[in-house]
Amino acid sequence: MLHLPHNHGRALARNAGIARARTEAVLSLDADDALEPGHLAATVPALLADPTTGIVYTDYRLFGQRSGVMRAEPYIERNLYRRQYIFAGSLFRRSLFARTRGYCDEFRIGNEDWDLWLTLVEAGAHAAWVAAPLYRYRLHAQSWSSAAAGSDDADFRSRILLLDHHRAAFDRHGATRAFLAETYRRQAGALQRGGDLERARAAWRQVVRHAPWDLWARCKA
């Protein structure tokens, strides 16, 4: 077991632990989540069977405040620059991770896992989907999924940071405008729910700027 003398934050703690790992297959498991009994038996062989596979991801089984299944989708690289369908608790290659900057501490505000997947993909990884809910994700008031739903600022800033870190790849996949439109749409909705109508209208205008064909956004702006 590795003990760090100070709280370095989740990203740097994960990087320190992974640097000391001896296995090729690595998974970052949050303390309040869990794996289904068959998770590793299904994902580790899928990762190691093909040297070009750098990430293996599964569906989520939700528990806690809400139960259900959150489905991922088949791996298409360009789509990962439009939406995050590779979820946080996914398996990846340590040797590939070692060739990158790893988890980025700037993403304490959120989307650190999405940033990592894009970083690994840009380092040459392909991903494989095991279409079964093998990762158990706990939903509670302090989880990122719950907190982000009520925080337009953190979600917005983390998405803009994600674009800044991977702008060349977003542009190459033709995803920049759609990503910005969705980013401002999410912010506008959160601001509107919070009653900040002036800032919400400004955000809707940004949606129209990046997606001028969006008639609903034009009405809201």
C-alpha atoms as a PDB file:
ATOM      1  CA  MET A   1       0.000   0.000   0.000  1.00  0.00           C
ATOM      2  CA  LEU A   2       1.228   3.468  -0.917  1.00  0.00           C
ATOM      3  CA  HIS A   3       0.833   6.330   1.562  1.00  0.00           C
ATOM      4  CA  LEU A   4       1.449   9.907   0.438  1.00  0.00           C
ATOM      5  CA  PRO A   5       2.515  12.402   3.131  1.00  0.00           C
ATOM      6  CA  HIS A   6       0.088  15.072   1.931  1.00  0.00           C
ATOM      7  CA  ASN A   7      -3.220  15.291   0.090  1.00  0.00           C
ATOM      8  CA  HIS A   8      -2.065  15.809  -3.495  1.00  0.00           C
ATOM      9  CA  GLY A   9      -5.523  15.566  -5.022  1.00  0.00           C
ATOM     10  CA  ARG A  10      -7.030  12.637  -6.899  1.00  0.00           C
ATOM     11  CA  ALA A  11      -5.121  13.096 -10.178  1.00  0.00           C
ATOM     12  CA  LEU A  12      -1.634  13.202  -8.661  1.00  0.00           C
ATOM     13  CA  ALA A  13      -2.460  10.401  -6.216  1.00  0.00           C
ATOM     14  CA  ARG A  14      -3.596   8.195  -9.092  1.00  0.00           C
ATOM     15  CA  ASN A  15      -0.467   9.022 -11.098  1.00  0.00           C
ATOM     16  CA  ALA A  16       1.734   8.093  -8.133  1.00  0.00           C
ATOM     17  CA  GLY A  17      -0.040   4.783  -7.642  1.00  0.00           C
ATOM     18  CA  ILE A  18      -0.002   3.837 -11.322  1.00  0.00           C
ATOM     19  CA  ALA A  19       3.711   4.660 -11.565  1.00  0.00           C
ATOM     20  CA  ARG A  20       4.334   1.946  -8.962  1.00  0.00           C
ATOM     21  CA  ALA A  21       2.011  -0.637 -10.499  1.00  0.00           C
ATOM     22  CA  ARG A  22       3.518  -3.874 -11.813  1.00  0.00           C
ATOM     23  CA  THR A  23       0.647  -5.049 -13.990  1.00  0.00           C
ATOM     24  CA  GLU A  24      -0.059  -3.964 -17.551  1.00  0.00           C
ATOM     25  CA  ALA A  25      -3.798  -3.717 -16.916  1.00  0.00           C
ATOM     26  CA  VAL A  26      -4.747  -0.822 -14.613  1.00  0.00           C
ATOM     27  CA  LEU A  27      -8.110   0.488 -13.411  1.00  0.00           C
ATOM     28  CA  SER A  28      -8.799   3.489 -11.166  1.00  0.00           C
ATOM     29  CA  LEU A  29     -11.544   2.409  -8.767  1.00  0.00           C
ATOM     30  CA  ASP A  30     -13.053   5.096  -6.553  1.00  0.00           C
ATOM     31  CA  ALA A  31     -13.538   4.101  -2.919  1.00  0.00           C
ATOM     32  CA  ASP A  32     -17.339   4.316  -3.047  1.00  0.00           C
ATOM     33  CA  ASP A  33     -17.707   2.311  -6.259  1.00  0.00           C
ATOM     34  CA  ALA A  34     -17.315  -1.424  -6.887  1.00  0.00           C
ATOM     35  CA  LEU A  35     -16.777  -4.011  -9.611  1.00  0.00           C
ATOM     36  CA  GLU A  36     -19.156  -6.805 -10.495  1.00  0.00           C
ATOM     37  CA  PRO A  37     -17.598 -10.246  -9.830  1.00  0.00           C
ATOM     38  CA  GLY A  38     -16.994 -10.907 -13.538  1.00  0.00           C
ATOM     39  CA  HIS A  39     -15.529  -7.509 -14.404  1.00  0.00           C
ATOM     40  CA  LEU A  40     -11.821  -8.372 -14.588  1.00  0.00           C
ATOM     41  CA  ALA A  41     -12.460 -11.769 -16.185  1.00  0.00           C
ATOM     42  CA  ALA A  42     -14.231  -9.984 -19.049  1.00  0.00           C
ATOM     43  CA  THR A  43     -12.055  -6.889 -19.446  1.00  0.00           C
ATOM     44  CA  VAL A  44      -8.445  -7.950 -18.836  1.00  0.00           C
ATOM     45  CA  PRO A  45      -8.369 -10.558 -21.661  1.00  0.00           C
ATOM     46  CA  ALA A  46      -9.999  -8.020 -23.994  1.00  0.00           C
ATOM     47  CA  LEU A  47      -7.230  -5.534 -23.190  1.00  0.00           C
ATOM     48  CA  LEU A  48      -4.300  -7.942 -23.471  1.00  0.00           C
ATOM     49  CA  ALA A  49      -5.466  -9.874 -26.527  1.00  0.00           C
ATOM     50  CA  ASP A  50      -4.731  -7.028 -28.934  1.00  0.00           C
ATOM     51  CA  PRO A  51      -1.634  -4.820 -28.470  1.00  0.00           C
ATOM     52  CA  THR A  52      -3.400  -1.914 -30.188  1.00  0.00           C
ATOM     53  CA  THR A  53      -6.165  -1.898 -27.568  1.00  0.00           C
ATOM     54  CA  GLY A  54      -5.326   0.653 -24.897  1.00  0.00           C
ATOM     55  CA  ILE A  55      -8.692   1.022 -23.137  1.00  0.00           C
ATOM     56  CA  VAL A  56     -11.479  -1.419 -22.293  1.00  0.00           C
ATOM     57  CA  TYR A  57     -14.735   0.020 -20.986  1.00  0.00           C
ATOM     58  CA  THR A  58     -18.058  -1.367 -19.831  1.00  0.00           C
ATOM     59  CA  ASP A  59     -21.545  -0.142 -19.029  1.00  0.00           C
ATOM     60  CA  TYR A  60     -22.344   1.208 -15.555  1.00  0.00           C
ATOM     61  CA  ARG A  61     -24.689  -0.305 -13.016  1.00  0.00           C
ATOM     62  CA  LEU A  62     -25.986   2.578 -10.868  1.00  0.00           C
ATOM     63  CA  PHE A  63     -26.764   2.200  -7.168  1.00  0.00           C
ATOM     64  CA  GLY A  64     -27.282   4.468  -4.185  1.00  0.00           C
ATOM     65  CA  GLN A  65     -29.648   7.410  -4.742  1.00  0.00           C
ATOM     66  CA  ARG A  66     -30.854   5.840  -7.983  1.00  0.00           C
ATOM     67  CA  SER A  67     -30.575   2.428  -9.574  1.00  0.00           C
ATOM     68  CA  GLY A  68     -30.412   1.444 -13.213  1.00  0.00           C
ATOM     69  CA  VAL A  69     -27.974   0.860 -16.051  1.00  0.00           C
ATOM     70  CA  MET A  70     -26.054   3.510 -17.952  1.00  0.00           C
ATOM     71  CA  ARG A  71     -25.098   2.227 -21.386  1.00  0.00           C
ATOM     72  CA  ALA A  72     -21.940   3.094 -23.243  1.00  0.00           C
ATOM     73  CA  GLU A  73     -21.664   2.739 -27.024  1.00  0.00           C
ATOM     74  CA  PRO A  74     -19.359   1.128 -29.601  1.00  0.00           C
ATOM     75  CA  TYR A  75     -15.980   2.774 -29.940  1.00  0.00           C
ATOM     76  CA  ILE A  76     -15.766   5.347 -32.718  1.00  0.00           C
ATOM     77  CA  GLU A  77     -12.895   7.741 -32.139  1.00  0.00           C
ATOM     78  CA  ARG A  78     -14.480  10.887 -33.553  1.00  0.00           C
ATOM     79  CA  ASN A  79     -17.561  10.408 -31.356  1.00  0.00           C
ATOM     80  CA  LEU A  80     -15.435  10.579 -28.212  1.00  0.00           C
ATOM     81  CA  TYR A  81     -14.824  14.241 -29.073  1.00  0.00           C
ATOM     82  CA  ARG A  82     -18.564  14.867 -28.993  1.00  0.00           C
ATOM     83  CA  ARG A  83     -19.643  12.982 -25.879  1.00  0.00           C
ATOM     84  CA  GLN A  84     -18.101  10.950 -23.099  1.00  0.00           C
ATOM     85  CA  TYR A  85     -19.223   7.373 -23.495  1.00  0.00           C
ATOM     86  CA  ILE A  86     -16.074   5.820 -21.994  1.00  0.00           C
ATOM     87  CA  PHE A  87     -16.880   6.116 -18.308  1.00  0.00           C
ATOM     88  CA  ALA A  88     -14.513   6.737 -15.413  1.00  0.00           C
ATOM     89  CA  GLY A  89     -13.929   3.188 -14.184  1.00  0.00           C
ATOM     90  CA  SER A  90     -12.339   1.743 -17.312  1.00  0.00           C
ATOM     91  CA  LEU A  91      -9.315  -0.495 -17.779  1.00  0.00           C
ATOM     92  CA  PHE A  92      -6.210   0.822 -19.565  1.00  0.00           C
ATOM     93  CA  ARG A  93      -2.617  -0.132 -20.398  1.00  0.00           C
ATOM     94  CA  ARG A  94       0.036   1.021 -17.942  1.00  0.00           C
ATOM     95  CA  SER A  95       2.737   1.102 -20.651  1.00  0.00           C
ATOM     96  CA  LEU A  96       0.643   3.465 -22.766  1.00  0.00           C
ATOM     97  CA  PHE A  97      -0.264   5.596 -19.752  1.00  0.00           C
ATOM     98  CA  ALA A  98       3.461   5.929 -18.959  1.00  0.00           C
ATOM     99  CA  ARG A  99       4.036   7.621 -22.330  1.00  0.00           C
ATOM    100  CA  THR A 100       1.572  10.400 -21.478  1.00  0.00           C
ATOM    101  CA  ARG A 101       1.224  13.064 -18.770  1.00  0.00           C
ATOM    102  CA  GLY A 102      -1.376  10.835 -17.102  1.00  0.00           C
ATOM    103  CA  TYR A 103      -4.199  12.323 -15.081  1.00  0.00           C
ATOM    104  CA  CYS A 104      -4.127  16.118 -15.197  1.00  0.00           C
ATOM    105  CA  ASP A 105      -4.477  17.991 -11.901  1.00  0.00           C
ATOM    106  CA  GLU A 106      -6.169  20.930 -13.638  1.00  0.00           C
ATOM    107  CA  PHE A 107      -9.301  18.772 -13.934  1.00  0.00           C
ATOM    108  CA  ARG A 108     -10.100  18.811 -10.222  1.00  0.00           C
ATOM    109  CA  ILE A 109     -13.262  20.620 -11.351  1.00  0.00           C
ATOM    110  CA  GLY A 110     -14.356  17.564 -13.341  1.00  0.00           C
ATOM    111  CA  ASN A 111     -13.913  15.584 -16.586  1.00  0.00           C
ATOM    112  CA  GLU A 112     -10.458  14.301 -15.578  1.00  0.00           C
ATOM    113  CA  ASP A 113     -11.323  10.838 -16.901  1.00  0.00           C
ATOM    114  CA  TRP A 114     -12.562  12.153 -20.242  1.00  0.00           C
ATOM    115  CA  ASP A 115      -9.310  14.099 -20.541  1.00  0.00           C
ATOM    116  CA  LEU A 116      -7.338  10.909 -19.870  1.00  0.00           C
ATOM    117  CA  TRP A 117      -9.203   8.891 -22.503  1.00  0.00           C
ATOM    118  CA  LEU A 118      -8.575  11.573 -25.115  1.00  0.00           C
ATOM    119  CA  THR A 119      -4.917  11.719 -24.053  1.00  0.00           C
ATOM    120  CA  LEU A 120      -4.542   7.947 -24.456  1.00  0.00           C
ATOM    121  CA  VAL A 121      -6.355   7.944 -27.809  1.00  0.00           C
ATOM    122  CA  GLU A 122      -4.078  10.710 -29.061  1.00  0.00           C
ATOM    123  CA  ALA A 123      -1.121   8.575 -27.933  1.00  0.00           C
ATOM    124  CA  GLY A 124      -2.296   5.797 -30.258  1.00  0.00           C
ATOM    125  CA  ALA A 125      -4.796   3.783 -28.221  1.00  0.00           C
ATOM    126  CA  HIS A 126      -7.859   2.051 -29.587  1.00  0.00           C
ATOM    127  CA  ALA A 127     -10.686   1.160 -27.225  1.00  0.00           C
ATOM    128  CA  ALA A 128     -12.925  -1.882 -26.863  1.00  0.00           C
ATOM    129  CA  TRP A 129     -16.408  -1.993 -25.359  1.00  0.00           C
ATOM    130  CA  VAL A 130     -17.626  -4.894 -23.215  1.00  0.00           C
ATOM    131  CA  ALA A 131     -21.377  -4.350 -23.461  1.00  0.00           C
ATOM    132  CA  ALA A 132     -22.372  -5.381 -19.937  1.00  0.00           C
ATOM    133  CA  PRO A 133     -22.924  -3.377 -16.715  1.00  0.00           C
ATOM    134  CA  LEU A 134     -19.813  -4.599 -14.895  1.00  0.00           C
ATOM    135  CA  TYR A 135     -18.805  -1.385 -13.098  1.00  0.00           C
ATOM    136  CA  ARG A 136     -20.940  -0.425 -10.086  1.00  0.00           C
ATOM    137  CA  TYR A 137     -21.208   3.361  -9.774  1.00  0.00           C
ATOM    138  CA  ARG A 138     -22.632   4.852  -6.589  1.00  0.00           C
ATOM    139  CA  LEU A 139     -24.792   7.949  -6.983  1.00  0.00           C
ATOM    140  CA  HIS A 140     -24.892  10.234  -3.960  1.00  0.00           C
ATOM    141  CA  ALA A 141     -25.015  13.949  -3.240  1.00  0.00           C
ATOM    142  CA  GLN A 142     -21.210  14.318  -3.351  1.00  0.00           C
ATOM    143  CA  SER A 143     -20.620  12.337  -6.545  1.00  0.00           C
ATOM    144  CA  TRP A 144     -19.480  14.262  -9.602  1.00  0.00           C
ATOM    145  CA  SER A 145     -22.625  13.282 -11.532  1.00  0.00           C
ATOM    146  CA  SER A 146     -24.859  14.743  -8.841  1.00  0.00           C
ATOM    147  CA  ALA A 147     -22.723  17.792  -8.097  1.00  0.00           C
ATOM    148  CA  ALA A 148     -22.269  18.727 -11.746  1.00  0.00           C
ATOM    149  CA  ALA A 149     -26.018  18.694 -12.303  1.00  0.00           C
ATOM    150  CA  GLY A 150     -26.313  21.702 -10.007  1.00  0.00           C
ATOM    151  CA  SER A 151     -23.099  23.502 -10.931  1.00  0.00           C
ATOM    152  CA  ASP A 152     -23.088  25.281 -14.276  1.00  0.00           C
ATOM    153  CA  ASP A 153     -19.682  26.824 -13.530  1.00  0.00           C
ATOM    154  CA  ALA A 154     -17.669  23.660 -12.838  1.00  0.00           C
ATOM    155  CA  ASP A 155     -19.176  21.762 -15.759  1.00  0.00           C
ATOM    156  CA  PHE A 156     -18.667  24.682 -18.131  1.00  0.00           C
ATOM    157  CA  ARG A 157     -15.084  25.388 -17.060  1.00  0.00           C
ATOM    158  CA  SER A 158     -14.054  21.737 -17.229  1.00  0.00           C
ATOM    159  CA  ARG A 159     -15.459  21.358 -20.750  1.00  0.00           C
ATOM    160  CA  ILE A 160     -13.684  24.513 -21.960  1.00  0.00           C
ATOM    161  CA  LEU A 161     -10.470  23.205 -20.384  1.00  0.00           C
ATOM    162  CA  LEU A 162     -10.972  19.880 -22.153  1.00  0.00           C
ATOM    163  CA  LEU A 163     -11.285  21.680 -25.479  1.00  0.00           C
ATOM    164  CA  ASP A 164      -8.166  23.742 -24.751  1.00  0.00           C
ATOM    165  CA  HIS A 165      -6.129  20.619 -23.983  1.00  0.00           C
ATOM    166  CA  HIS A 166      -7.217  18.745 -27.120  1.00  0.00           C
ATOM    167  CA  ARG A 167      -8.086  21.520 -29.580  1.00  0.00           C
ATOM    168  CA  ALA A 168      -6.075  20.118 -32.495  1.00  0.00           C
ATOM    169  CA  ALA A 169      -7.850  16.754 -32.285  1.00  0.00           C
ATOM    170  CA  PHE A 170     -11.271  18.387 -31.842  1.00  0.00           C
ATOM    171  CA  ASP A 171     -10.592  20.410 -34.991  1.00  0.00           C
ATOM    172  CA  ARG A 172      -9.292  17.371 -36.878  1.00  0.00           C
ATOM    173  CA  HIS A 173     -12.488  15.461 -36.132  1.00  0.00           C
ATOM    174  CA  GLY A 174     -14.675  18.438 -37.007  1.00  0.00           C
ATOM    175  CA  ALA A 175     -16.139  18.392 -33.499  1.00  0.00           C
ATOM    176  CA  THR A 176     -15.252  21.843 -32.151  1.00  0.00           C
ATOM    177  CA  ARG A 177     -18.413  23.746 -33.045  1.00  0.00           C
ATOM    178  CA  ALA A 178     -20.764  20.994 -31.917  1.00  0.00           C
ATOM    179  CA  PHE A 179     -18.840  20.578 -28.659  1.00  0.00           C
ATOM    180  CA  LEU A 180     -18.973  24.313 -27.934  1.00  0.00           C
ATOM    181  CA  ALA A 181     -22.673  24.457 -28.775  1.00  0.00           C
ATOM    182  CA  GLU A 182     -23.383  21.618 -26.341  1.00  0.00           C
ATOM    183  CA  THR A 183     -21.136  23.215 -23.698  1.00  0.00           C
ATOM    184  CA  TYR A 184     -23.036  26.508 -23.859  1.00  0.00           C
ATOM    185  CA  ARG A 185     -26.371  24.665 -24.043  1.00  0.00           C
ATOM    186  CA  ARG A 186     -25.595  22.871 -20.785  1.00  0.00           C
ATOM    187  CA  GLN A 187     -24.549  26.136 -19.170  1.00  0.00           C
ATOM    188  CA  ALA A 188     -27.654  27.939 -20.421  1.00  0.00           C
ATOM    189  CA  GLY A 189     -29.925  25.233 -19.027  1.00  0.00           C
ATOM    190  CA  ALA A 190     -28.226  25.286 -15.632  1.00  0.00           C
ATOM    191  CA  LEU A 191     -28.352  29.091 -15.456  1.00  0.00           C
ATOM    192  CA  GLN A 192     -31.991  29.085 -16.475  1.00  0.00           C
ATOM    193  CA  ARG A 193     -32.876  26.536 -13.799  1.00  0.00           C
ATOM    194  CA  GLY A 194     -31.033  28.712 -11.281  1.00  0.00           C
ATOM    195  CA  GLY A 195     -33.013  31.793 -12.278  1.00  0.00           C
ATOM    196  CA  ASP A 196     -30.085  33.716 -13.822  1.00  0.00           C
ATOM    197  CA  LEU A 197     -31.985  34.557 -16.992  1.00  0.00           C
ATOM    198  CA  GLU A 198     -29.650  37.288 -18.247  1.00  0.00           C
ATOM    199  CA  ARG A 199     -26.601  35.012 -18.253  1.00  0.00           C
ATOM    200  CA  ALA A 200     -28.741  32.186 -19.599  1.00  0.00           C
ATOM    201  CA  ARG A 201     -29.739  34.290 -22.621  1.00  0.00           C
ATOM    202  CA  ALA A 202     -26.071  35.160 -23.196  1.00  0.00           C
ATOM    203  CA  ALA A 203     -25.234  31.443 -23.161  1.00  0.00           C
ATOM    204  CA  TRP A 204     -28.092  30.679 -25.577  1.00  0.00           C
ATOM    205  CA  ARG A 205     -26.653  33.303 -27.938  1.00  0.00           C
ATOM    206  CA  GLN A 206     -23.367  31.405 -27.861  1.00  0.00           C
ATOM    207  CA  VAL A 207     -25.260  28.215 -28.756  1.00  0.00           C
ATOM    208  CA  VAL A 208     -26.708  30.024 -31.787  1.00  0.00           C
ATOM    209  CA  ARG A 209     -23.248  31.297 -32.706  1.00  0.00           C
ATOM    210  CA  HIS A 210     -21.825  27.777 -32.871  1.00  0.00           C
ATOM    211  CA  ALA A 211     -25.019  26.025 -34.060  1.00  0.00           C
ATOM    212  CA  PRO A 212     -26.993  28.617 -36.077  1.00  0.00           C
ATOM    213  CA  TRP A 213     -29.375  25.887 -37.297  1.00  0.00           C
ATOM    214  CA  ASP A 214     -30.644  25.321 -33.716  1.00  0.00           C
ATOM    215  CA  LEU A 215     -34.100  26.945 -33.853  1.00  0.00           C
ATOM    216  CA  TRP A 216     -34.844  26.208 -30.182  1.00  0.00           C
ATOM    217  CA  ALA A 217     -31.688  28.051 -29.098  1.00  0.00           C
ATOM    218  CA  ARG A 218     -32.567  30.986 -31.343  1.00  0.00           C
ATOM    219  CA  CYS A 219     -35.922  31.279 -29.631  1.00  0.00           C
ATOM    220  CA  LYS A 220     -34.345  31.179 -26.175  1.00  0.00           C
ATOM    221  CA  ALA A 221     -31.686  33.756 -27.111  1.00  0.00           C
END
